[in-house]
Amino acid sequence: MTSLTLLCVDDEQYVLNSLRRLLRHQPYKLLTASSGAEGLKMLEAEPVQLVMSDYRLPDISGTEFLSIVKKAFPHTIRLLLSSYPDGQSIRKAISDEVIVKALPKPWNGDELILEIQHCFE
């Protein structure tokens, strides 16, 4: 059986720690990165089925990062987390199939787990 891997990209360490706590009992491997560049290095190093990125990263926007992920790793599912939704750019990212869905920050833990499980199915 192939292990499922989720990569979370956010520059706020407390957010990554919260996601680790929330997802620690889930049946997949969790990787974290604090920038788009670090996230791309991780994607090149090992197979990742799902990437969840913050909208605001220190080196690139989340939608730009996920657009690069789409081109380089087209079979990787992409979600966006955001507390600063730019409705127009998010709608464009969804219509261009850069992201599957944008999720709110802060998140509802149960809903986030269900969304991730749905993506892995």
Protein backbone atom coordinates (compact mmCIF):
# COMPACT_ATOMS: atom_id res chain seq x y z
CA MET A 1 0.00 0.00 0.00
CA THR A 2 1.32 3.43 -0.94
CA SER A 3 1.62 5.91 1.90
CA LEU A 4 -0.39 9.10 1.43
CA THR A 5 1.53 12.32 2.04
CA LEU A 6 0.25 15.82 2.80
CA LEU A 7 2.50 18.88 2.57
CA CYS A 8 1.38 21.97 4.52
CA VAL A 9 3.07 25.25 3.58
CA ASP A 10 2.74 28.24 5.91
CA ASP A 11 5.26 30.77 7.22
CA GLU A 12 3.64 30.89 10.67
CA GLN A 13 5.16 28.19 12.88
CA TYR A 14 2.16 28.19 15.22
CA VAL A 15 -0.11 27.37 12.26
CA LEU A 16 2.09 24.43 11.25
CA ASN A 17 2.15 23.25 14.89
CA SER A 18 -1.67 23.50 15.05
CA LEU A 19 -1.99 21.48 11.85
CA ARG A 20 0.42 18.84 13.22
CA ARG A 21 -1.69 18.52 16.39
CA LEU A 22 -4.95 18.40 14.43
CA LEU A 23 -3.70 15.80 11.94
CA ARG A 24 -1.47 13.66 14.17
CA HIS A 25 -3.92 10.74 14.31
CA GLN A 26 -4.69 10.73 10.59
CA PRO A 27 -3.41 7.85 8.42
CA TYR A 28 -1.02 9.84 6.28
CA LYS A 29 2.42 11.34 6.46
CA LEU A 30 2.55 15.07 7.19
CA LEU A 31 5.33 17.29 5.87
CA THR A 32 5.61 21.01 6.60
CA ALA A 33 7.40 23.89 4.91
CA SER A 34 7.63 27.57 5.82
CA SER A 35 8.02 28.98 2.29
CA GLY A 36 7.20 28.23 -1.31
CA ALA A 37 10.87 27.50 -2.07
CA GLU A 38 11.08 25.03 0.81
CA GLY A 39 7.81 23.43 -0.28
CA LEU A 40 9.10 22.93 -3.84
CA LYS A 41 12.27 21.28 -2.51
CA MET A 42 10.16 18.85 -0.48
CA LEU A 43 7.99 18.07 -3.49
CA GLU A 44 11.10 17.27 -5.52
CA ALA A 45 12.45 15.03 -2.74
CA GLU A 46 9.46 12.72 -2.32
CA PRO A 47 5.99 11.98 -3.69
CA VAL A 48 3.23 14.16 -2.21
CA GLN A 49 -0.41 13.60 -3.07
CA LEU A 50 -1.88 16.76 -1.47
CA VAL A 51 -0.45 20.25 -0.91
CA MET A 52 -2.21 22.73 1.34
CA SER A 53 -0.74 26.24 1.21
CA ASP A 54 -1.38 29.50 2.97
CA TYR A 55 -2.43 32.36 0.71
CA ARG A 56 0.34 34.64 1.98
CA LEU A 57 3.82 33.16 1.93
CA PRO A 58 7.01 35.17 2.50
CA ASP A 59 8.49 34.55 -0.94
CA ILE A 60 5.47 34.09 -3.23
CA SER A 61 1.68 34.14 -3.05
CA GLY A 62 -0.04 30.86 -2.30
CA THR A 63 -1.83 30.91 -5.64
CA GLU A 64 1.46 31.48 -7.50
CA PHE A 65 3.11 28.68 -5.51
CA LEU A 66 0.25 26.28 -6.24
CA SER A 67 0.33 27.25 -9.92
CA ILE A 68 3.99 26.16 -10.03
CA VAL A 69 3.03 22.95 -8.22
CA LYS A 70 0.28 22.32 -10.79
CA LYS A 71 2.73 22.62 -13.68
CA ALA A 72 5.56 20.61 -12.08
CA PHE A 73 3.41 18.01 -10.27
CA PRO A 74 0.08 17.91 -12.14
CA HIS A 75 -1.31 14.92 -10.23
CA THR A 76 -0.84 16.57 -6.83
CA ILE A 77 -4.08 17.92 -5.36
CA ARG A 78 -3.88 21.55 -4.25
CA LEU A 79 -5.79 23.35 -1.48
CA LEU A 80 -5.47 26.96 -0.36
CA LEU A 81 -5.84 28.17 3.24
CA SER A 82 -6.51 31.84 3.75
CA SER A 83 -7.55 34.36 6.35
CA TYR A 84 -7.12 37.16 3.78
CA PRO A 85 -9.25 35.99 0.91
CA ASP A 86 -8.82 37.90 -2.31
CA GLY A 87 -12.05 36.71 -3.86
CA GLN A 88 -11.09 37.50 -7.45
CA SER A 89 -7.71 35.74 -7.42
CA ILE A 90 -9.14 32.74 -5.57
CA ARG A 91 -12.04 32.41 -8.05
CA LYS A 92 -9.52 32.63 -10.90
CA ALA A 93 -7.31 29.98 -9.26
CA ILE A 94 -10.31 27.65 -8.96
CA SER A 95 -11.49 28.28 -12.53
CA ASP A 96 -7.94 27.74 -13.84
CA GLU A 97 -7.80 24.50 -11.79
CA VAL A 98 -4.78 25.78 -9.86
CA ILE A 99 -6.61 24.86 -6.64
CA VAL A 100 -9.41 22.45 -5.90
CA LYS A 101 -10.78 24.58 -3.09
CA ALA A 102 -10.01 27.52 -0.82
CA LEU A 103 -10.54 26.90 2.89
CA PRO A 104 -10.85 29.50 5.65
CA LYS A 105 -8.30 30.30 8.29
CA PRO A 106 -8.96 29.82 11.13
CA TRP A 107 -10.44 26.48 10.23
CA ASN A 108 -12.97 24.16 11.80
CA GLY A 109 -10.88 21.09 12.67
CA ASP A 110 -13.51 18.48 11.84
CA GLU A 111 -14.34 20.16 8.52
CA LEU A 112 -10.67 20.46 7.57
CA ILE A 113 -10.05 16.77 8.33
CA LEU A 114 -13.09 15.79 6.24
CA GLU A 115 -11.93 17.99 3.34
CA ILE A 116 -8.45 16.43 3.41
CA GLN A 117 -9.91 12.92 3.60
CA HIS A 118 -12.17 13.75 0.64
CA CYS A 119 -9.16 14.94 -1.38
CA PHE A 120 -7.26 11.73 -0.65
CA GLU A 121 -10.20 9.65 -1.89
